[in-house]
Protein backbone atom coordinates (compact mmCIF):
# COMPACT_ATOMS: atom_id res chain seq x y z
CA MET A 1 0.00 0.00 0.00
CA ALA A 2 2.98 2.31 0.33
CA LYS A 3 3.27 2.45 -3.47
CA LEU A 4 -0.39 3.41 -3.81
CA GLN A 5 -0.03 6.09 -1.16
CA ASN A 6 3.07 7.50 -2.89
CA ALA A 7 1.25 7.48 -6.23
CA LEU A 8 -1.70 9.34 -4.71
CA ILE A 9 0.58 11.94 -3.15
CA ILE A 10 2.37 12.52 -6.46
CA ALA A 11 -0.95 12.71 -8.34
CA GLU A 12 -2.27 15.18 -5.78
CA ALA A 13 0.82 17.39 -6.15
CA VAL A 14 0.55 17.36 -9.95
CA LEU A 15 -3.16 18.16 -9.79
CA ALA A 16 -2.47 21.01 -7.36
CA VAL A 17 0.04 22.58 -9.76
CA LEU A 18 -2.32 22.17 -12.74
CA LEU A 19 -5.23 23.55 -10.74
CA THR A 20 -3.20 26.59 -9.69
CA ALA A 21 -2.21 27.21 -13.31
CA GLY A 22 -5.82 26.83 -14.45
CA VAL A 23 -7.05 29.40 -11.95
CA LEU A 24 -4.28 31.87 -12.78
CA ILE A 25 -4.84 31.58 -16.55
CA GLN A 26 -8.52 32.51 -16.34
CA THR A 27 -9.45 36.07 -17.28
CA PRO A 28 -11.11 38.16 -14.57
CA LYS A 29 -14.74 39.01 -15.25
CA ALA A 30 -14.77 42.38 -13.51
CA SER A 31 -12.70 44.34 -11.06
CA GLY A 32 -14.01 42.79 -7.86
CA LEU A 33 -17.39 43.43 -6.30
CA GLY A 34 -17.52 47.01 -7.53
CA GLY A 35 -17.15 45.93 -11.14
CA THR A 36 -19.89 43.34 -10.81
CA ILE A 37 -22.43 45.66 -9.17
CA GLY A 38 -21.44 49.01 -10.61
CA GLY A 39 -20.66 47.85 -14.10
CA GLY A 40 -16.99 48.79 -14.08
CA GLY A 41 -15.39 51.34 -16.38
CA ASP A 42 -14.08 48.98 -19.03
CA GLY A 43 -17.07 49.14 -21.36
CA LEU A 44 -18.06 45.49 -20.88
CA GLY A 45 -21.26 46.35 -19.05
CA GLY A 46 -20.24 44.53 -15.89
CA GLY A 47 -22.06 41.63 -14.35
CA TYR A 48 -22.55 38.36 -16.18
CA ARG A 49 -20.74 37.67 -19.44
CA THR A 50 -20.78 34.33 -21.27
CA ARG A 51 -17.58 32.37 -21.76
CA ARG A 52 -16.65 31.42 -25.30
CA GLY A 53 -13.99 29.38 -27.01
CA LEU A 54 -10.75 28.80 -25.15
CA GLU A 55 -11.99 30.68 -22.07
CA ARG A 56 -14.87 28.22 -21.74
CA GLN A 57 -12.54 25.23 -22.21
CA ILE A 58 -10.17 26.50 -19.50
CA TYR A 59 -13.11 27.09 -17.16
CA TRP A 60 -14.46 23.53 -17.49
CA THR A 61 -10.99 22.00 -17.40
CA THR A 62 -10.42 23.80 -14.11
CA TRP A 63 -13.62 22.28 -12.70
CA VAL A 64 -12.55 18.82 -13.83
CA LEU A 65 -9.21 19.37 -12.07
CA VAL A 66 -11.04 20.45 -8.91
CA VAL A 67 -13.12 17.26 -8.89
CA ALA A 68 -10.05 15.10 -9.62
CA PHE A 69 -8.13 16.81 -6.81
CA LEU A 70 -10.96 16.21 -4.34
CA ILE A 71 -11.30 12.56 -5.34
CA CYS A 72 -7.55 12.07 -5.04
CA SER A 73 -7.51 13.74 -1.62
CA VAL A 74 -10.38 11.61 -0.31
CA ALA A 75 -8.74 8.47 -1.71
CA ASN A 76 -5.47 9.42 -0.02
CA VAL A 77 -7.20 9.91 3.34
CA TRP A 78 -9.04 6.59 2.90
CA VAL A 79 -5.83 4.71 2.12
CA VAL A 80 -4.02 6.24 5.09
CA THR A 81 -6.83 5.44 7.55
CA HIS A 82 -7.61 1.92 6.31
CA PHE A 83 -4.07 0.72 5.65
CA PRO A 84 -1.75 2.19 8.31
CA GLN A 85 1.91 1.42 7.94
């Protein structure tokens, strides 16, 4: 079980790096709460704006990475608690 635990730790680290990159790559929608409520001064109208193309793909890929990270974390905790060394 030590090999499985090491594999889960490595997978979790890789997913954490990819998840961080995915969050940092995304474009901000507005400048904080003021941009969302007040409309911002950038001419986009503020508030909700649909994602298209690559922006949409990055958004959904980030969510897939979040789910994979959570599953990996839960699996790691399960392995550690059920198979102590």
